[in-house]
Amino acid sequence: MKSLQLKFGLFDQLEVVRRAQELLRLCNLHFDAPSFGMGEICKSVLCFELACGELQISLHRQNAVYISSMSEKAYVRSLTAMRNTLGLRGSTDSRPGKP
């Protein structure tokens, strides 16, 4: 998670890392990631984006898609599946310009 924090340029956002780690822990308990075709790095990136969305911190989705090594369509589908599995509701869209 620390390396993702550096890749996203969020150097002073320790709360994001803590929340992303908690989401990753929950994800490992409730979510069968291999059945959705995603690996550990992708799960971490998705949890990081969900954490940023919950804490209302800006995160560039294109950068997240690039780091996850997935297509944008697969990334969004995986993000939605993970959000639903973890029971997260509301808008966690962290793209700039979105309310």
C-alpha atoms as a PDB file:
ATOM      1  CA  MET A   1       0.000   0.000   0.000  1.00  0.00           C
ATOM      2  CA  LYS A   2       2.860   2.381   0.733  1.00  0.00           C
ATOM      3  CA  SER A   3       4.206   1.963  -2.792  1.00  0.00           C
ATOM      4  CA  LEU A   4       0.746   2.710  -4.224  1.00  0.00           C
ATOM      5  CA  GLN A   5       0.561   5.791  -2.048  1.00  0.00           C
ATOM      6  CA  LEU A   6       3.799   6.988  -3.645  1.00  0.00           C
ATOM      7  CA  LYS A   7       2.671   6.081  -7.178  1.00  0.00           C
ATOM      8  CA  PHE A   8      -0.527   8.092  -6.723  1.00  0.00           C
ATOM      9  CA  GLY A   9       1.380  11.019  -5.213  1.00  0.00           C
ATOM     10  CA  LEU A  10      -0.520  11.057  -1.925  1.00  0.00           C
ATOM     11  CA  PHE A  11       2.489  11.422   0.362  1.00  0.00           C
ATOM     12  CA  ASP A  12       0.736  12.867   3.407  1.00  0.00           C
ATOM     13  CA  GLN A  13      -2.447  10.757   3.324  1.00  0.00           C
ATOM     14  CA  LEU A  14      -1.807   8.036   5.920  1.00  0.00           C
ATOM     15  CA  GLU A  15      -5.535   7.653   6.604  1.00  0.00           C
ATOM     16  CA  VAL A  16      -6.038   6.534   3.002  1.00  0.00           C
ATOM     17  CA  VAL A  17      -3.458   3.797   3.428  1.00  0.00           C
ATOM     18  CA  ARG A  18      -5.057   2.607   6.671  1.00  0.00           C
ATOM     19  CA  ARG A  19      -8.528   2.509   5.127  1.00  0.00           C
ATOM     20  CA  ALA A  20      -7.239   0.776   1.981  1.00  0.00           C
ATOM     21  CA  GLN A  21      -5.538  -1.870   4.136  1.00  0.00           C
ATOM     22  CA  GLU A  22      -8.787  -2.456   6.014  1.00  0.00           C
ATOM     23  CA  LEU A  23     -10.726  -2.762   2.746  1.00  0.00           C
ATOM     24  CA  LEU A  24      -8.107  -5.185   1.416  1.00  0.00           C
ATOM     25  CA  ARG A  25      -8.470  -7.302   4.563  1.00  0.00           C
ATOM     26  CA  LEU A  26     -12.255  -7.372   4.118  1.00  0.00           C
ATOM     27  CA  CYS A  27     -11.825  -8.095   0.430  1.00  0.00           C
ATOM     28  CA  ASN A  28      -9.672 -11.128   1.194  1.00  0.00           C
ATOM     29  CA  LEU A  29     -12.397 -12.427   3.509  1.00  0.00           C
ATOM     30  CA  HIS A  30     -15.459 -11.829   1.320  1.00  0.00           C
ATOM     31  CA  PHE A  31     -14.329 -11.533  -2.284  1.00  0.00           C
ATOM     32  CA  ASP A  32     -13.033 -14.305  -4.540  1.00  0.00           C
ATOM     33  CA  ALA A  33     -10.775 -12.151  -6.716  1.00  0.00           C
ATOM     34  CA  PRO A  34      -9.351 -14.914  -8.949  1.00  0.00           C
ATOM     35  CA  SER A  35     -12.846 -15.747 -10.164  1.00  0.00           C
ATOM     36  CA  PHE A  36     -13.086 -12.157 -11.438  1.00  0.00           C
ATOM     37  CA  GLY A  37      -9.671 -12.403 -13.103  1.00  0.00           C
ATOM     38  CA  MET A  38      -7.827  -9.970 -10.877  1.00  0.00           C
ATOM     39  CA  GLY A  39      -4.578 -10.359  -8.993  1.00  0.00           C
ATOM     40  CA  GLU A  40      -3.213  -8.928  -5.789  1.00  0.00           C
ATOM     41  CA  ILE A  41      -2.000  -5.672  -7.342  1.00  0.00           C
ATOM     42  CA  CYS A  42      -5.369  -4.985  -8.908  1.00  0.00           C
ATOM     43  CA  LYS A  43      -7.167  -5.711  -5.630  1.00  0.00           C
ATOM     44  CA  SER A  44      -4.854  -3.283  -3.854  1.00  0.00           C
ATOM     45  CA  VAL A  45      -5.422  -0.558  -6.453  1.00  0.00           C
ATOM     46  CA  LEU A  46      -9.196  -1.034  -6.265  1.00  0.00           C
ATOM     47  CA  CYS A  47      -9.137  -0.871  -2.466  1.00  0.00           C
ATOM     48  CA  PHE A  48      -7.016   2.254  -2.683  1.00  0.00           C
ATOM     49  CA  GLU A  49      -9.541   3.900  -5.015  1.00  0.00           C
ATOM     50  CA  LEU A  50     -12.445   2.918  -2.765  1.00  0.00           C
ATOM     51  CA  ALA A  51     -10.606   4.346   0.250  1.00  0.00           C
ATOM     52  CA  CYS A  52      -9.915   7.605  -1.585  1.00  0.00           C
ATOM     53  CA  GLY A  53     -13.565   7.812  -2.590  1.00  0.00           C
ATOM     54  CA  GLU A  54     -14.769   7.278   0.972  1.00  0.00           C
ATOM     55  CA  LEU A  55     -12.386   9.924   2.303  1.00  0.00           C
ATOM     56  CA  GLN A  56     -13.191  12.274  -0.608  1.00  0.00           C
ATOM     57  CA  ILE A  57      -9.604  12.469  -1.804  1.00  0.00           C
ATOM     58  CA  SER A  58      -8.945  13.022  -5.484  1.00  0.00           C
ATOM     59  CA  LEU A  59      -7.483  10.080  -7.387  1.00  0.00           C
ATOM     60  CA  HIS A  60      -6.972   9.958 -11.143  1.00  0.00           C
ATOM     61  CA  ARG A  61      -8.726   6.864 -12.433  1.00  0.00           C
ATOM     62  CA  GLN A  62      -6.582   6.651 -15.567  1.00  0.00           C
ATOM     63  CA  ASN A  63      -3.505   6.371 -13.382  1.00  0.00           C
ATOM     64  CA  ALA A  64      -5.201   3.665 -11.295  1.00  0.00           C
ATOM     65  CA  VAL A  65      -6.210   1.744 -14.435  1.00  0.00           C
ATOM     66  CA  TYR A  66      -2.640   1.929 -15.722  1.00  0.00           C
ATOM     67  CA  ILE A  67      -1.145   0.691 -12.436  1.00  0.00           C
ATOM     68  CA  SER A  68      -3.671  -2.159 -12.210  1.00  0.00           C
ATOM     69  CA  SER A  69      -2.738  -3.349 -15.743  1.00  0.00           C
ATOM     70  CA  MET A  70      -6.399  -3.816 -16.656  1.00  0.00           C
ATOM     71  CA  SER A  71      -8.537  -2.280 -19.349  1.00  0.00           C
ATOM     72  CA  GLU A  72     -10.770   0.525 -18.130  1.00  0.00           C
ATOM     73  CA  LYS A  73     -13.899  -1.526 -18.776  1.00  0.00           C
ATOM     74  CA  ALA A  74     -12.585  -4.466 -16.732  1.00  0.00           C
ATOM     75  CA  TYR A  75     -11.366  -2.090 -14.021  1.00  0.00           C
ATOM     76  CA  VAL A  76     -14.773  -0.430 -13.628  1.00  0.00           C
ATOM     77  CA  ARG A  77     -16.539  -3.806 -13.633  1.00  0.00           C
ATOM     78  CA  SER A  78     -14.165  -5.112 -10.939  1.00  0.00           C
ATOM     79  CA  LEU A  79     -14.560  -1.918  -8.912  1.00  0.00           C
ATOM     80  CA  THR A  80     -18.354  -2.255  -9.005  1.00  0.00           C
ATOM     81  CA  ALA A  81     -18.213  -5.941  -8.060  1.00  0.00           C
ATOM     82  CA  MET A  82     -15.878  -5.219  -5.157  1.00  0.00           C
ATOM     83  CA  ARG A  83     -17.982  -2.281  -3.963  1.00  0.00           C
ATOM     84  CA  ASN A  84     -21.123  -4.446  -3.989  1.00  0.00           C
ATOM     85  CA  THR A  85     -19.421  -7.376  -2.281  1.00  0.00           C
ATOM     86  CA  LEU A  86     -18.034  -5.182   0.495  1.00  0.00           C
ATOM     87  CA  GLY A  87     -21.403  -3.476   0.948  1.00  0.00           C
ATOM     88  CA  LEU A  88     -20.149  -0.001   0.099  1.00  0.00           C
ATOM     89  CA  ARG A  89     -22.865   2.276  -1.206  1.00  0.00           C
ATOM     90  CA  GLY A  90     -23.003   5.753  -2.596  1.00  0.00           C
ATOM     91  CA  SER A  91     -20.692   7.449  -5.006  1.00  0.00           C
ATOM     92  CA  THR A  92     -17.068   6.488  -4.592  1.00  0.00           C
ATOM     93  CA  ASP A  93     -16.160   7.901  -7.990  1.00  0.00           C
ATOM     94  CA  SER A  94     -12.912   9.708  -7.347  1.00  0.00           C
ATOM     95  CA  ARG A  95     -12.294  11.026 -10.832  1.00  0.00           C
ATOM     96  CA  PRO A  96     -11.657  14.779 -10.944  1.00  0.00           C
ATOM     97  CA  GLY A  97     -14.649  16.796 -11.986  1.00  0.00           C
ATOM     98  CA  LYS A  98     -17.238  14.362 -10.672  1.00  0.00           C
ATOM     99  CA  PRO A  99     -19.461  15.364  -7.717  1.00  0.00           C
END
